[in-house]
Amino acid sequence: MTKFKTLINFKDGTSMYYRDHKEAFENAKSKGLNDPQNYMYMYSKDNKDYFKNIDYRNYINFNQ
């Protein structure tokens, strides 16, 4: 299976990217994500993975 890392650059010079969601979830679970079924992976930025709660729409992040 090929793992993609898509980079998105913005006009203000910042960027975000998508990495393999399975890797992002494994990393988050190892750093304290107790209920991964309630979150979806959104993007990565500045060496952090961002997840959104599917019910409340709040974001959380974990260092990579």
C-alpha atoms as a PDB file:
ATOM      1  CA  MET A   1       0.000   0.000   0.000  1.00  0.00           C
ATOM      2  CA  THR A   2       1.321   3.449  -0.896  1.00  0.00           C
ATOM      3  CA  LYS A   3       1.323   6.065   1.821  1.00  0.00           C
ATOM      4  CA  PHE A   4       0.686   9.597   0.612  1.00  0.00           C
ATOM      5  CA  LYS A   5       1.797  12.853   2.136  1.00  0.00           C
ATOM      6  CA  THR A   6      -0.017  15.708   0.434  1.00  0.00           C
ATOM      7  CA  LEU A   7       1.354  19.190   1.057  1.00  0.00           C
ATOM      8  CA  ILE A   8      -0.941  22.222   0.840  1.00  0.00           C
ATOM      9  CA  ASN A   9       0.723  25.642   0.827  1.00  0.00           C
ATOM     10  CA  PHE A  10      -1.199  28.792   1.672  1.00  0.00           C
ATOM     11  CA  LYS A  11      -0.564  32.347   0.459  1.00  0.00           C
ATOM     12  CA  ASP A  12       0.542  33.479   3.922  1.00  0.00           C
ATOM     13  CA  GLY A  13       3.447  31.005   3.842  1.00  0.00           C
ATOM     14  CA  THR A  14       1.967  28.403   6.181  1.00  0.00           C
ATOM     15  CA  SER A  15       1.284  24.865   5.080  1.00  0.00           C
ATOM     16  CA  MET A  16      -0.544  21.753   6.166  1.00  0.00           C
ATOM     17  CA  TYR A  17      -0.412  18.194   4.929  1.00  0.00           C
ATOM     18  CA  TYR A  18      -2.230  14.909   5.066  1.00  0.00           C
ATOM     19  CA  ARG A  19      -0.380  11.861   6.239  1.00  0.00           C
ATOM     20  CA  ASP A  20      -1.497   8.268   6.525  1.00  0.00           C
ATOM     21  CA  HIS A  21      -4.482   8.348   8.900  1.00  0.00           C
ATOM     22  CA  LYS A  22      -3.588   4.986  10.442  1.00  0.00           C
ATOM     23  CA  GLU A  23      -0.163   6.295  11.449  1.00  0.00           C
ATOM     24  CA  ALA A  24      -1.738   9.453  12.840  1.00  0.00           C
ATOM     25  CA  PHE A  25      -4.220   7.468  14.943  1.00  0.00           C
ATOM     26  CA  GLU A  26      -1.556   5.072  16.241  1.00  0.00           C
ATOM     27  CA  ASN A  27       0.561   8.064  17.263  1.00  0.00           C
ATOM     28  CA  ALA A  28      -2.390   9.776  18.964  1.00  0.00           C
ATOM     29  CA  LYS A  29      -3.394   6.614  20.837  1.00  0.00           C
ATOM     30  CA  SER A  30       0.155   6.234  22.134  1.00  0.00           C
ATOM     31  CA  LYS A  31      -0.013   9.822  23.421  1.00  0.00           C
ATOM     32  CA  GLY A  32      -3.351   9.656  25.198  1.00  0.00           C
ATOM     33  CA  LEU A  33      -6.250   9.486  22.738  1.00  0.00           C
ATOM     34  CA  ASN A  34      -8.584   7.211  24.717  1.00  0.00           C
ATOM     35  CA  ASP A  35     -11.637   7.203  22.447  1.00  0.00           C
ATOM     36  CA  PRO A  36     -10.457   7.199  18.805  1.00  0.00           C
ATOM     37  CA  GLN A  37     -13.893   6.090  17.580  1.00  0.00           C
ATOM     38  CA  ASN A  38     -15.171   9.590  18.425  1.00  0.00           C
ATOM     39  CA  TYR A  39     -12.594  11.442  16.292  1.00  0.00           C
ATOM     40  CA  MET A  40     -11.614  11.757  12.666  1.00  0.00           C
ATOM     41  CA  TYR A  41      -8.194  12.710  11.370  1.00  0.00           C
ATOM     42  CA  MET A  42      -8.266  16.119   9.681  1.00  0.00           C
ATOM     43  CA  TYR A  43      -4.711  17.231   8.844  1.00  0.00           C
ATOM     44  CA  SER A  44      -1.173  17.703  10.133  1.00  0.00           C
ATOM     45  CA  LYS A  45       0.635  20.990  10.628  1.00  0.00           C
ATOM     46  CA  ASP A  46       3.819  22.047  12.432  1.00  0.00           C
ATOM     47  CA  ASN A  47       4.567  18.433  13.452  1.00  0.00           C
ATOM     48  CA  LYS A  48       1.146  17.986  15.059  1.00  0.00           C
ATOM     49  CA  ASP A  49      -1.779  15.803  14.009  1.00  0.00           C
ATOM     50  CA  TYR A  50      -5.230  17.395  14.294  1.00  0.00           C
ATOM     51  CA  PHE A  51      -8.419  15.442  14.957  1.00  0.00           C
ATOM     52  CA  LYS A  52     -12.047  16.604  15.067  1.00  0.00           C
ATOM     53  CA  ASN A  53     -14.667  15.168  17.394  1.00  0.00           C
ATOM     54  CA  ILE A  54     -17.525  13.766  15.304  1.00  0.00           C
ATOM     55  CA  ASP A  55     -20.204  14.849  17.799  1.00  0.00           C
ATOM     56  CA  TYR A  56     -19.028  18.183  19.199  1.00  0.00           C
ATOM     57  CA  ARG A  57     -16.763  19.358  16.350  1.00  0.00           C
ATOM     58  CA  ASN A  58     -14.004  20.471  18.681  1.00  0.00           C
ATOM     59  CA  TYR A  59     -10.393  19.908  17.601  1.00  0.00           C
ATOM     60  CA  ILE A  60      -7.598  18.231  19.526  1.00  0.00           C
ATOM     61  CA  ASN A  61      -3.977  17.740  18.489  1.00  0.00           C
ATOM     62  CA  PHE A  62      -1.037  15.541  19.341  1.00  0.00           C
ATOM     63  CA  ASN A  63       2.666  15.979  18.660  1.00  0.00           C
ATOM     64  CA  GLN A  64       4.067  13.617  16.072  1.00  0.00           C
END
